[in-house]
Amino acid sequence: DITVFEARPVGIDDNNSSAYSFELYPNPASDDINVVFNAENVNGSIQIEVLDIRGVMVLQKNLNAGKMINETIDVSSLSKGVYFVRSTHQNQIQTKKMIIK
């Protein structure tokens, strides 16, 4: 028997050709982190997921797309370490590294 698995790329996407982009600050953070989106011409919702270093989702939030979004996320419950913030809109995924101190 042969088993076929779908391969999905893993890592940080630095390609900024997307219709939207986002930034995180402050980074490193301890209590709150601001996620700022420039979402020109984006309709629908944007999903934010915070993943730990193992890829396990520890926080999730859905936002309504608009021209500019500035969302504050409480990260005080997270342990110190490296996390990834993944933003998904339709088939576009962007990921940024976040450090909790």
Protein backbone atom coordinates (compact mmCIF):
# COMPACT_ATOMS: atom_id res chain seq x y z
CA ASP A 1 0.00 0.00 0.00
CA ILE A 2 1.08 3.54 -0.72
CA THR A 3 0.01 6.48 1.43
CA VAL A 4 0.17 9.96 -0.07
CA PHE A 5 0.31 13.04 2.14
CA GLU A 6 -0.23 16.61 1.04
CA ALA A 7 2.90 18.68 1.69
CA ARG A 8 2.36 22.15 3.13
CA PRO A 9 5.21 24.63 3.37
CA VAL A 10 6.32 25.55 6.87
CA GLY A 11 8.10 28.71 7.93
CA ILE A 12 7.86 32.44 7.79
CA ASP A 13 6.52 34.02 4.63
CA ASP A 14 8.41 37.21 3.85
CA ASN A 15 6.63 37.67 0.52
CA ASN A 16 4.75 40.97 0.72
CA SER A 17 2.89 40.65 -2.60
CA SER A 18 -0.37 40.13 -0.73
CA ALA A 19 -3.29 42.58 -0.81
CA TYR A 20 -2.80 43.07 2.91
CA SER A 21 0.09 43.14 5.33
CA PHE A 22 0.46 43.29 9.08
CA GLU A 23 2.96 44.35 11.72
CA LEU A 24 3.38 43.46 15.40
CA TYR A 25 4.51 45.76 18.20
CA PRO A 26 5.97 45.82 20.74
CA ASN A 27 8.06 42.78 19.94
CA PRO A 28 9.25 41.41 22.36
CA ALA A 29 6.06 41.82 24.39
CA SER A 30 4.93 40.85 27.87
CA ASP A 31 1.28 41.88 28.39
CA ASP A 32 -0.30 43.08 25.14
CA ILE A 33 0.71 43.05 21.52
CA ASN A 34 -0.72 45.30 18.82
CA VAL A 35 -1.47 43.78 15.44
CA VAL A 36 -1.77 46.45 12.77
CA PHE A 37 -3.15 45.52 9.35
CA ASN A 38 -2.99 47.51 6.16
CA ALA A 39 -5.90 45.80 4.42
CA GLU A 40 -6.69 47.93 1.37
CA ASN A 41 -9.23 46.29 -0.94
CA VAL A 42 -9.77 43.36 1.43
CA ASN A 43 -13.31 42.17 2.14
CA GLY A 44 -14.49 39.59 4.63
CA SER A 45 -12.70 38.46 7.74
CA ILE A 46 -9.08 38.02 8.74
CA GLN A 47 -8.22 35.22 11.14
CA ILE A 48 -5.34 35.65 13.60
CA GLU A 49 -3.80 32.63 15.27
CA VAL A 50 -0.96 32.59 17.79
CA LEU A 51 1.06 29.37 17.61
CA ASP A 52 3.67 28.17 20.05
CA ILE A 53 7.06 26.89 18.89
CA ARG A 54 5.57 23.39 18.38
CA GLY A 55 2.85 24.78 16.08
CA VAL A 56 0.06 24.39 18.62
CA MET A 57 -2.55 27.17 18.45
CA VAL A 58 -2.73 29.00 21.79
CA LEU A 59 -4.86 32.03 20.83
CA GLN A 60 -7.29 32.79 18.00
CA LYS A 61 -9.22 35.87 16.94
CA ASN A 62 -11.35 36.81 13.93
CA LEU A 63 -11.44 40.39 12.62
CA ASN A 64 -13.56 42.15 10.05
CA ALA A 65 -11.37 43.44 7.23
CA GLY A 66 -11.13 47.16 6.60
CA LYS A 67 -8.58 49.64 5.35
CA MET A 68 -6.65 49.84 8.61
CA ILE A 69 -7.08 47.53 11.58
CA ASN A 70 -5.29 48.03 14.88
CA GLU A 71 -6.11 45.18 17.25
CA THR A 72 -4.67 44.71 20.74
CA ILE A 73 -4.27 41.11 21.88
CA ASP A 74 -3.73 40.14 25.52
CA VAL A 75 -0.72 37.82 25.65
CA SER A 76 -0.16 37.99 29.43
CA SER A 77 -1.33 34.38 29.83
CA LEU A 78 1.41 33.07 27.52
CA SER A 79 4.66 31.67 28.88
CA LYS A 80 7.95 33.32 27.95
CA GLY A 81 9.26 32.14 24.61
CA VAL A 82 8.96 32.30 20.84
CA TYR A 83 5.56 32.26 19.14
CA PHE A 84 4.28 32.77 15.62
CA VAL A 85 1.36 35.01 14.67
CA ARG A 86 -0.38 33.67 11.58
CA SER A 87 -2.84 35.80 9.66
CA THR A 88 -5.20 34.16 7.16
CA HIS A 89 -7.51 35.86 4.67
CA GLN A 90 -9.13 33.58 2.10
CA ASN A 91 -6.13 31.69 0.63
CA GLN A 92 -3.48 34.20 1.75
CA ILE A 93 -1.40 33.34 4.81
CA GLN A 94 1.25 35.51 6.44
CA THR A 95 3.28 34.59 9.51
CA LYS A 96 5.45 36.70 11.81
CA LYS A 97 7.61 35.73 14.78
CA MET A 98 6.68 37.11 18.20
CA ILE A 99 8.71 36.91 21.41
CA ILE A 100 7.10 36.93 24.86
CA LYS A 101 9.44 38.08 27.62
